[in-house]
Amino acid sequence: MFRAILKSVAPIPKLTRFERYLFLGPHPDDIEVACAPTVRALTQAGKHVSFVVLTDGRMGAIDPNLFGDELVEIRKAEALASAKLLGVTDVTFLPFHDGAMYSVEDAACAVAKEIVRLQPDVIFAPDPNVISECHLDHIKTGMAAKAAMNMAPFASVMQSIGGSGSHSVQALAFYYTDKPNSYVPVAKTFSARADALACHKSQFDEKAVKDICMYFTLRSLRLGLRKLKSKCDGYRALSPTHMHCFPEASEWVR
């Protein structure tokens, strides 16, 4: 009963009810891998969607001889093409190098400035608290999103990091999460993932795209059962109330 009362006072955000969305990607393909069906569902519904990619993706490709500045330009072009396919034309690339040799604090400052500039209602980012996640770019992107959420609402904080203005985000949604509590029906847009990943030819061949989509097919069917839907993307959603001095929110799964 106590948990039900708390949830009624501070409910889990319903992610599709907002108008402006910011998706943060550690690399130029992560948003598409994790969220492409959700992104297409939002853009088809007339929502405003922006992508911000933290790192330049310079460290890895199918071709082991392809890396560095040459790969950066290829991956930017791939990211812009896949975003456009999903209905997103607002794409920003931050200046951090792939490989996590940057601080969470620097990334958080950069993300906070983007929050104030773009004025999103909801931010999507990788879940940095998944025990099995070992990729530091993913972990640092999620941590930066958490920190930036608590920086952007305060003009004084923004001034201290060389920014201006302020903006309060209404929800943070973690993807690549093992504890989803908010679900987006994606049966009608599920093919968007394969379409978007096909643009990232430096990263995925046909078999890789097929394997990734098979995993997400099984995952989305499992998550869909929780909401009596055929397929759902699942996210760990938090409101600003949940994110500070509200430890019960860590227990709210499903």
C-alpha atoms as a PDB file:
ATOM      1  CA  MET A   1       0.000   0.000   0.000  1.00  0.00           C
ATOM      2  CA  PHE A   2       2.839   2.402   0.873  1.00  0.00           C
ATOM      3  CA  ARG A   3       4.427   1.844  -2.555  1.00  0.00           C
ATOM      4  CA  ALA A   4       1.101   2.478  -4.293  1.00  0.00           C
ATOM      5  CA  ILE A   5       0.665   5.751  -2.422  1.00  0.00           C
ATOM      6  CA  LEU A   6       4.176   6.883  -3.357  1.00  0.00           C
ATOM      7  CA  LYS A   7       3.550   6.029  -7.011  1.00  0.00           C
ATOM      8  CA  SER A   8       0.343   8.044  -6.983  1.00  0.00           C
ATOM      9  CA  VAL A   9       2.250  11.040  -5.621  1.00  0.00           C
ATOM     10  CA  ALA A  10       5.237  10.641  -7.964  1.00  0.00           C
ATOM     11  CA  PRO A  11       4.091   8.504 -10.925  1.00  0.00           C
ATOM     12  CA  ILE A  12       6.406   6.922 -13.479  1.00  0.00           C
ATOM     13  CA  PRO A  13       6.411   9.178 -16.557  1.00  0.00           C
ATOM     14  CA  LYS A  14       4.392   8.054 -19.571  1.00  0.00           C
ATOM     15  CA  LEU A  15       6.993   8.639 -22.245  1.00  0.00           C
ATOM     16  CA  THR A  16       4.729   9.179 -25.246  1.00  0.00           C
ATOM     17  CA  ARG A  17       2.749  12.075 -23.780  1.00  0.00           C
ATOM     18  CA  PHE A  18       5.444  14.720 -24.257  1.00  0.00           C
ATOM     19  CA  GLU A  19       6.290  16.871 -27.294  1.00  0.00           C
ATOM     20  CA  ARG A  20      10.074  17.376 -27.387  1.00  0.00           C
ATOM     21  CA  TYR A  21      12.612  14.543 -27.120  1.00  0.00           C
ATOM     22  CA  LEU A  22      16.405  14.386 -26.922  1.00  0.00           C
ATOM     23  CA  PHE A  23      18.181  11.084 -27.550  1.00  0.00           C
ATOM     24  CA  LEU A  24      21.808  10.876 -26.370  1.00  0.00           C
ATOM     25  CA  GLY A  25      24.054   8.363 -28.108  1.00  0.00           C
ATOM     26  CA  PRO A  26      27.513   7.264 -26.912  1.00  0.00           C
ATOM     27  CA  HIS A  27      28.419   6.495 -30.556  1.00  0.00           C
ATOM     28  CA  PRO A  28      26.888   7.325 -33.942  1.00  0.00           C
ATOM     29  CA  ASP A  29      24.757   4.149 -34.021  1.00  0.00           C
ATOM     30  CA  ASP A  30      23.591   3.462 -30.453  1.00  0.00           C
ATOM     31  CA  ILE A  31      20.357   5.431 -30.623  1.00  0.00           C
ATOM     32  CA  GLU A  32      19.309   3.434 -33.676  1.00  0.00           C
ATOM     33  CA  VAL A  33      20.307   0.076 -32.162  1.00  0.00           C
ATOM     34  CA  ALA A  34      18.356   0.682 -28.959  1.00  0.00           C
ATOM     35  CA  CYS A  35      15.558   3.054 -29.910  1.00  0.00           C
ATOM     36  CA  ALA A  36      14.887   3.215 -33.670  1.00  0.00           C
ATOM     37  CA  PRO A  37      11.277   1.911 -33.448  1.00  0.00           C
ATOM     38  CA  THR A  38      10.500   4.390 -30.655  1.00  0.00           C
ATOM     39  CA  VAL A  39      12.067   7.259 -32.603  1.00  0.00           C
ATOM     40  CA  ARG A  40      10.044   6.490 -35.719  1.00  0.00           C
ATOM     41  CA  ALA A  41       6.851   6.180 -33.650  1.00  0.00           C
ATOM     42  CA  LEU A  42       7.507   9.611 -32.138  1.00  0.00           C
ATOM     43  CA  THR A  43       8.313  11.359 -35.406  1.00  0.00           C
ATOM     44  CA  GLN A  44       5.291   9.791 -37.101  1.00  0.00           C
ATOM     45  CA  ALA A  45       3.185  11.197 -34.258  1.00  0.00           C
ATOM     46  CA  GLY A  46       4.509  14.688 -35.036  1.00  0.00           C
ATOM     47  CA  LYS A  47       6.849  14.963 -32.042  1.00  0.00           C
ATOM     48  CA  HIS A  48      10.083  16.952 -32.193  1.00  0.00           C
ATOM     49  CA  VAL A  49      13.096  14.651 -31.860  1.00  0.00           C
ATOM     50  CA  SER A  50      16.760  15.638 -31.601  1.00  0.00           C
ATOM     51  CA  PHE A  51      19.851  13.419 -31.550  1.00  0.00           C
ATOM     52  CA  VAL A  52      23.074  14.336 -29.731  1.00  0.00           C
ATOM     53  CA  VAL A  53      26.021  11.969 -30.245  1.00  0.00           C
ATOM     54  CA  LEU A  54      28.766  12.263 -27.626  1.00  0.00           C
ATOM     55  CA  THR A  55      31.717  10.541 -29.307  1.00  0.00           C
ATOM     56  CA  ASP A  56      32.991  10.483 -32.867  1.00  0.00           C
ATOM     57  CA  GLY A  57      33.208   6.686 -33.253  1.00  0.00           C
ATOM     58  CA  ARG A  58      36.779   6.803 -34.504  1.00  0.00           C
ATOM     59  CA  MET A  59      37.921   3.566 -32.869  1.00  0.00           C
ATOM     60  CA  GLY A  60      36.107   0.744 -34.623  1.00  0.00           C
ATOM     61  CA  ALA A  61      34.755  -0.537 -37.945  1.00  0.00           C
ATOM     62  CA  ILE A  62      34.213  -3.822 -39.755  1.00  0.00           C
ATOM     63  CA  ASP A  63      37.374  -3.028 -41.704  1.00  0.00           C
ATOM     64  CA  PRO A  64      40.216  -3.095 -39.115  1.00  0.00           C
ATOM     65  CA  ASN A  65      42.230  -0.718 -41.302  1.00  0.00           C
ATOM     66  CA  LEU A  66      39.529   1.955 -41.108  1.00  0.00           C
ATOM     67  CA  PHE A  67      39.828   4.250 -38.080  1.00  0.00           C
ATOM     68  CA  GLY A  68      40.659   7.799 -37.047  1.00  0.00           C
ATOM     69  CA  ASP A  69      39.564  10.911 -38.910  1.00  0.00           C
ATOM     70  CA  GLU A  70      38.538   9.017 -42.032  1.00  0.00           C
ATOM     71  CA  LEU A  71      36.163   6.836 -40.021  1.00  0.00           C
ATOM     72  CA  VAL A  72      34.795   9.861 -38.154  1.00  0.00           C
ATOM     73  CA  GLU A  73      33.555  11.423 -41.391  1.00  0.00           C
ATOM     74  CA  ILE A  74      32.076   8.148 -42.603  1.00  0.00           C
ATOM     75  CA  ARG A  75      30.222   7.619 -39.354  1.00  0.00           C
ATOM     76  CA  LYS A  76      28.845  11.147 -39.325  1.00  0.00           C
ATOM     77  CA  ALA A  77      27.426  10.615 -42.796  1.00  0.00           C
ATOM     78  CA  GLU A  78      25.960   7.255 -41.764  1.00  0.00           C
ATOM     79  CA  ALA A  79      24.398   8.776 -38.641  1.00  0.00           C
ATOM     80  CA  LEU A  80      22.832  11.646 -40.592  1.00  0.00           C
ATOM     81  CA  ALA A  81      21.413   9.238 -43.170  1.00  0.00           C
ATOM     82  CA  SER A  82      19.894   6.899 -40.580  1.00  0.00           C
ATOM     83  CA  ALA A  83      18.489   9.797 -38.553  1.00  0.00           C
ATOM     84  CA  LYS A  84      16.835  11.260 -41.658  1.00  0.00           C
ATOM     85  CA  LEU A  85      15.331   7.870 -42.439  1.00  0.00           C
ATOM     86  CA  LEU A  86      13.773   7.889 -38.943  1.00  0.00           C
ATOM     87  CA  GLY A  87      12.371  11.393 -39.458  1.00  0.00           C
ATOM     88  CA  VAL A  88      15.078  13.227 -37.484  1.00  0.00           C
ATOM     89  CA  THR A  89      16.965  16.136 -39.050  1.00  0.00           C
ATOM     90  CA  ASP A  90      18.258  17.763 -35.838  1.00  0.00           C
ATOM     91  CA  VAL A  91      21.541  15.922 -35.153  1.00  0.00           C
ATOM     92  CA  THR A  92      24.457  17.303 -33.114  1.00  0.00           C
ATOM     93  CA  PHE A  93      27.909  15.739 -32.754  1.00  0.00           C
ATOM     94  CA  LEU A  94      29.832  16.604 -29.591  1.00  0.00           C
ATOM     95  CA  PRO A  95      33.649  16.792 -29.770  1.00  0.00           C
ATOM     96  CA  PHE A  96      34.584  13.840 -27.553  1.00  0.00           C
ATOM     97  CA  HIS A  97      36.781  11.082 -28.975  1.00  0.00           C
ATOM     98  CA  ASP A  98      35.578   7.499 -28.958  1.00  0.00           C
ATOM     99  CA  GLY A  99      37.334   5.507 -26.237  1.00  0.00           C
ATOM    100  CA  ALA A 100      36.140   7.247 -23.051  1.00  0.00           C
ATOM    101  CA  MET A 101      39.306   9.290 -22.486  1.00  0.00           C
ATOM    102  CA  TYR A 102      37.243  12.233 -21.234  1.00  0.00           C
ATOM    103  CA  SER A 103      35.672  12.996 -17.882  1.00  0.00           C
ATOM    104  CA  VAL A 104      32.045  12.522 -16.944  1.00  0.00           C
ATOM    105  CA  GLU A 105      32.114  16.113 -15.683  1.00  0.00           C
ATOM    106  CA  ASP A 106      33.158  17.502 -19.076  1.00  0.00           C
ATOM    107  CA  ALA A 107      30.540  15.385 -20.836  1.00  0.00           C
ATOM    108  CA  ALA A 108      27.869  16.485 -18.353  1.00  0.00           C
ATOM    109  CA  CYS A 109      28.667  20.163 -18.956  1.00  0.00           C
ATOM    110  CA  ALA A 110      28.385  19.656 -22.719  1.00  0.00           C
ATOM    111  CA  VAL A 111      25.099  17.769 -22.363  1.00  0.00           C
ATOM    112  CA  ALA A 112      23.671  20.396 -20.004  1.00  0.00           C
ATOM    113  CA  LYS A 113      24.355  23.094 -22.601  1.00  0.00           C
ATOM    114  CA  GLU A 114      22.555  20.993 -25.223  1.00  0.00           C
ATOM    115  CA  ILE A 115      19.591  20.574 -22.884  1.00  0.00           C
ATOM    116  CA  VAL A 116      19.265  24.329 -22.485  1.00  0.00           C
ATOM    117  CA  ARG A 117      19.665  24.870 -26.233  1.00  0.00           C
ATOM    118  CA  LEU A 118      17.228  22.169 -27.348  1.00  0.00           C
ATOM    119  CA  GLN A 119      14.651  22.480 -24.529  1.00  0.00           C
ATOM    120  CA  PRO A 120      13.582  18.794 -24.467  1.00  0.00           C
ATOM    121  CA  ASP A 121      10.795  17.440 -22.292  1.00  0.00           C
ATOM    122  CA  VAL A 122      12.407  13.974 -22.177  1.00  0.00           C
ATOM    123  CA  ILE A 123      15.985  12.728 -22.462  1.00  0.00           C
ATOM    124  CA  PHE A 124      16.867   9.179 -23.515  1.00  0.00           C
ATOM    125  CA  ALA A 125      20.327   7.834 -22.597  1.00  0.00           C
ATOM    126  CA  PRO A 126      22.051   4.499 -21.877  1.00  0.00           C
ATOM    127  CA  ASP A 127      21.453   3.073 -18.409  1.00  0.00           C
ATOM    128  CA  PRO A 128      24.825   3.472 -16.623  1.00  0.00           C
ATOM    129  CA  ASN A 129      23.795   1.252 -13.719  1.00  0.00           C
ATOM    130  CA  VAL A 130      23.492  -2.075 -15.545  1.00  0.00           C
ATOM    131  CA  ILE A 131      25.961  -4.419 -13.875  1.00  0.00           C
ATOM    132  CA  SER A 132      26.888  -6.228 -17.095  1.00  0.00           C
ATOM    133  CA  GLU A 133      27.644  -3.035 -19.058  1.00  0.00           C
ATOM    134  CA  CYS A 134      31.400  -2.695 -19.515  1.00  0.00           C
ATOM    135  CA  HIS A 135      31.676  -0.064 -22.255  1.00  0.00           C
ATOM    136  CA  LEU A 136      32.882   3.158 -20.643  1.00  0.00           C
ATOM    137  CA  ASP A 137      31.463   5.391 -23.378  1.00  0.00           C
ATOM    138  CA  HIS A 138      28.009   3.989 -22.607  1.00  0.00           C
ATOM    139  CA  ILE A 139      28.473   4.291 -18.863  1.00  0.00           C
ATOM    140  CA  LYS A 140      29.851   7.825 -19.062  1.00  0.00           C
ATOM    141  CA  THR A 141      27.063   8.961 -21.405  1.00  0.00           C
ATOM    142  CA  GLY A 142      24.434   7.730 -18.960  1.00  0.00           C
ATOM    143  CA  MET A 143      26.224   9.297 -16.005  1.00  0.00           C
ATOM    144  CA  ALA A 144      26.577  12.566 -17.903  1.00  0.00           C
ATOM    145  CA  ALA A 145      22.848  12.557 -18.627  1.00  0.00           C
ATOM    146  CA  LYS A 146      22.063  12.083 -14.937  1.00  0.00           C
ATOM    147  CA  ALA A 147      24.371  14.897 -13.905  1.00  0.00           C
ATOM    148  CA  ALA A 148      23.210  17.253 -16.655  1.00  0.00           C
ATOM    149  CA  MET A 149      19.572  16.768 -15.641  1.00  0.00           C
ATOM    150  CA  ASN A 150      20.464  18.363 -12.311  1.00  0.00           C
ATOM    151  CA  MET A 151      22.606  21.125 -13.816  1.00  0.00           C
ATOM    152  CA  ALA A 152      20.407  22.485 -16.600  1.00  0.00           C
ATOM    153  CA  PRO A 153      17.523  23.787 -14.416  1.00  0.00           C
ATOM    154  CA  PHE A 154      19.771  26.287 -12.635  1.00  0.00           C
ATOM    155  CA  ALA A 155      20.949  29.442 -14.408  1.00  0.00           C
ATOM    156  CA  SER A 156      23.678  29.930 -11.801  1.00  0.00           C
ATOM    157  CA  VAL A 157      25.091  26.457 -12.493  1.00  0.00           C
ATOM    158  CA  MET A 158      24.944  27.022 -16.239  1.00  0.00           C
ATOM    159  CA  GLN A 159      26.814  30.305 -15.852  1.00  0.00           C
ATOM    160  CA  SER A 160      29.490  28.547 -13.791  1.00  0.00           C
ATOM    161  CA  ILE A 161      30.219  26.179 -16.717  1.00  0.00           C
ATOM    162  CA  GLY A 162      30.235  28.875 -19.379  1.00  0.00           C
ATOM    163  CA  GLY A 163      26.629  28.532 -20.466  1.00  0.00           C
ATOM    164  CA  SER A 164      23.533  30.665 -20.112  1.00  0.00           C
ATOM    165  CA  GLY A 165      19.827  30.193 -19.502  1.00  0.00           C
ATOM    166  CA  SER A 166      18.238  27.154 -17.913  1.00  0.00           C
ATOM    167  CA  HIS A 167      15.782  24.379 -18.665  1.00  0.00           C
ATOM    168  CA  SER A 168      14.028  21.706 -16.593  1.00  0.00           C
ATOM    169  CA  VAL A 169      13.543  18.302 -18.202  1.00  0.00           C
ATOM    170  CA  GLN A 170      10.409  16.403 -17.201  1.00  0.00           C
ATOM    171  CA  ALA A 171      11.685  12.834 -17.587  1.00  0.00           C
ATOM    172  CA  LEU A 172      14.848  10.790 -18.077  1.00  0.00           C
ATOM    173  CA  ALA A 173      14.480   7.453 -19.869  1.00  0.00           C
ATOM    174  CA  PHE A 174      17.296   4.918 -19.828  1.00  0.00           C
ATOM    175  CA  TYR A 175      17.708   2.529 -22.746  1.00  0.00           C
ATOM    176  CA  TYR A 176      19.903  -0.590 -22.747  1.00  0.00           C
ATOM    177  CA  THR A 177      18.344  -1.151 -19.331  1.00  0.00           C
ATOM    178  CA  ASP A 178      17.745  -4.315 -17.371  1.00  0.00           C
ATOM    179  CA  LYS A 179      14.984  -2.707 -15.279  1.00  0.00           C
ATOM    180  CA  PRO A 180      12.387  -1.213 -17.622  1.00  0.00           C
ATOM    181  CA  ASN A 181       9.339   0.402 -16.022  1.00  0.00           C
ATOM    182  CA  SER A 182       7.904   2.350 -18.976  1.00  0.00           C
ATOM    183  CA  TYR A 183       6.951   0.922 -22.360  1.00  0.00           C
ATOM    184  CA  VAL A 184       6.430   2.251 -25.881  1.00  0.00           C
ATOM    185  CA  PRO A 185       4.358   0.115 -28.295  1.00  0.00           C
ATOM    186  CA  VAL A 186       6.400  -0.361 -31.486  1.00  0.00           C
ATOM    187  CA  ALA A 187       4.707  -3.144 -33.462  1.00  0.00           C
ATOM    188  CA  LYS A 188       3.935  -0.760 -36.327  1.00  0.00           C
ATOM    189  CA  THR A 189       7.441   0.728 -36.422  1.00  0.00           C
ATOM    190  CA  PHE A 190       9.580  -2.262 -35.479  1.00  0.00           C
ATOM    191  CA  SER A 191      11.169  -2.498 -38.953  1.00  0.00           C
ATOM    192  CA  ALA A 192      12.790   0.904 -38.357  1.00  0.00           C
ATOM    193  CA  ARG A 193      15.706  -0.710 -36.537  1.00  0.00           C
ATOM    194  CA  ALA A 194      16.774  -2.825 -39.511  1.00  0.00           C
ATOM    195  CA  ASP A 195      16.260   0.111 -41.881  1.00  0.00           C
ATOM    196  CA  ALA A 196      18.386   2.432 -39.731  1.00  0.00           C
ATOM    197  CA  LEU A 197      21.181  -0.059 -39.040  1.00  0.00           C
ATOM    198  CA  ALA A 198      21.509  -0.753 -42.755  1.00  0.00           C
ATOM    199  CA  CYS A 199      22.762   2.835 -43.079  1.00  0.00           C
ATOM    200  CA  HIS A 200      25.692   2.088 -40.749  1.00  0.00           C
ATOM    201  CA  LYS A 201      27.650   0.009 -43.234  1.00  0.00           C
ATOM    202  CA  SER A 202      30.986   0.662 -41.544  1.00  0.00           C
ATOM    203  CA  GLN A 203      29.678  -1.106 -38.437  1.00  0.00           C
ATOM    204  CA  PHE A 204      27.240  -3.820 -39.476  1.00  0.00           C
ATOM    205  CA  ASP A 205      27.042  -6.348 -42.278  1.00  0.00           C
ATOM    206  CA  GLU A 206      23.759  -8.048 -43.163  1.00  0.00           C
ATOM    207  CA  LYS A 207      24.303 -10.866 -40.669  1.00  0.00           C
ATOM    208  CA  ALA A 208      24.988  -8.440 -37.813  1.00  0.00           C
ATOM    209  CA  VAL A 209      21.831  -6.477 -38.593  1.00  0.00           C
ATOM    210  CA  LYS A 210      19.839  -9.704 -38.673  1.00  0.00           C
ATOM    211  CA  ASP A 211      21.288 -10.915 -35.364  1.00  0.00           C
ATOM    212  CA  ILE A 212      20.671  -7.589 -33.604  1.00  0.00           C
ATOM    213  CA  CYS A 213      17.099  -7.449 -34.871  1.00  0.00           C
ATOM    214  CA  MET A 214      16.459 -11.030 -33.747  1.00  0.00           C
ATOM    215  CA  TYR A 215      17.581 -10.172 -30.218  1.00  0.00           C
ATOM    216  CA  PHE A 216      15.356  -7.101 -30.108  1.00  0.00           C
ATOM    217  CA  THR A 217      12.444  -9.052 -31.572  1.00  0.00           C
ATOM    218  CA  LEU A 218      12.615 -11.464 -28.649  1.00  0.00           C
ATOM    219  CA  ARG A 219      13.126  -8.641 -26.151  1.00  0.00           C
ATOM    220  CA  SER A 220      10.260  -6.530 -27.484  1.00  0.00           C
ATOM    221  CA  LEU A 221       7.891  -9.503 -27.481  1.00  0.00           C
ATOM    222  CA  ARG A 222       8.802 -10.267 -23.868  1.00  0.00           C
ATOM    223  CA  LEU A 223       8.328  -6.650 -22.822  1.00  0.00           C
ATOM    224  CA  GLY A 224       5.137  -6.377 -24.831  1.00  0.00           C
ATOM    225  CA  LEU A 225       3.583  -9.179 -22.842  1.00  0.00           C
ATOM    226  CA  ARG A 226       3.865  -7.023 -19.727  1.00  0.00           C
ATOM    227  CA  LYS A 227       1.538  -4.465 -21.315  1.00  0.00           C
ATOM    228  CA  LEU A 228      -0.556  -6.942 -23.317  1.00  0.00           C
ATOM    229  CA  LYS A 229       0.914  -5.555 -26.540  1.00  0.00           C
ATOM    230  CA  SER A 230       2.580  -7.448 -29.353  1.00  0.00           C
ATOM    231  CA  LYS A 231       5.898  -5.540 -29.208  1.00  0.00           C
ATOM    232  CA  CYS A 232       7.254  -2.811 -26.913  1.00  0.00           C
ATOM    233  CA  ASP A 233      10.499  -0.981 -26.373  1.00  0.00           C
ATOM    234  CA  GLY A 234      11.233  -0.799 -22.648  1.00  0.00           C
ATOM    235  CA  TYR A 235      12.884   2.041 -20.744  1.00  0.00           C
ATOM    236  CA  ARG A 236      13.805   2.902 -17.181  1.00  0.00           C
ATOM    237  CA  ALA A 237      11.895   6.183 -16.763  1.00  0.00           C
ATOM    238  CA  LEU A 238      12.403   8.664 -13.944  1.00  0.00           C
ATOM    239  CA  SER A 239      10.864  12.022 -13.193  1.00  0.00           C
ATOM    240  CA  PRO A 240      12.934  14.797 -11.554  1.00  0.00           C
ATOM    241  CA  THR A 241      11.255  13.903  -8.254  1.00  0.00           C
ATOM    242  CA  HIS A 242      12.597  10.353  -8.477  1.00  0.00           C
ATOM    243  CA  MET A 243      16.148  11.455  -9.202  1.00  0.00           C
ATOM    244  CA  HIS A 244      17.064  13.154  -5.935  1.00  0.00           C
ATOM    245  CA  CYS A 245      16.495  11.869  -2.390  1.00  0.00           C
ATOM    246  CA  PHE A 246      13.830   9.347  -3.513  1.00  0.00           C
ATOM    247  CA  PRO A 247      15.445   5.891  -3.214  1.00  0.00           C
ATOM    248  CA  GLU A 248      12.148   3.993  -3.521  1.00  0.00           C
ATOM    249  CA  ALA A 249      12.141   4.810  -7.235  1.00  0.00           C
ATOM    250  CA  SER A 250      15.019   2.338  -7.682  1.00  0.00           C
ATOM    251  CA  GLU A 251      12.613  -0.468  -6.771  1.00  0.00           C
ATOM    252  CA  TRP A 252       9.830   0.460  -9.204  1.00  0.00           C
ATOM    253  CA  VAL A 253      10.055  -2.096 -11.982  1.00  0.00           C
ATOM    254  CA  ARG A 254       7.149  -2.789 -14.320  1.00  0.00           C
END
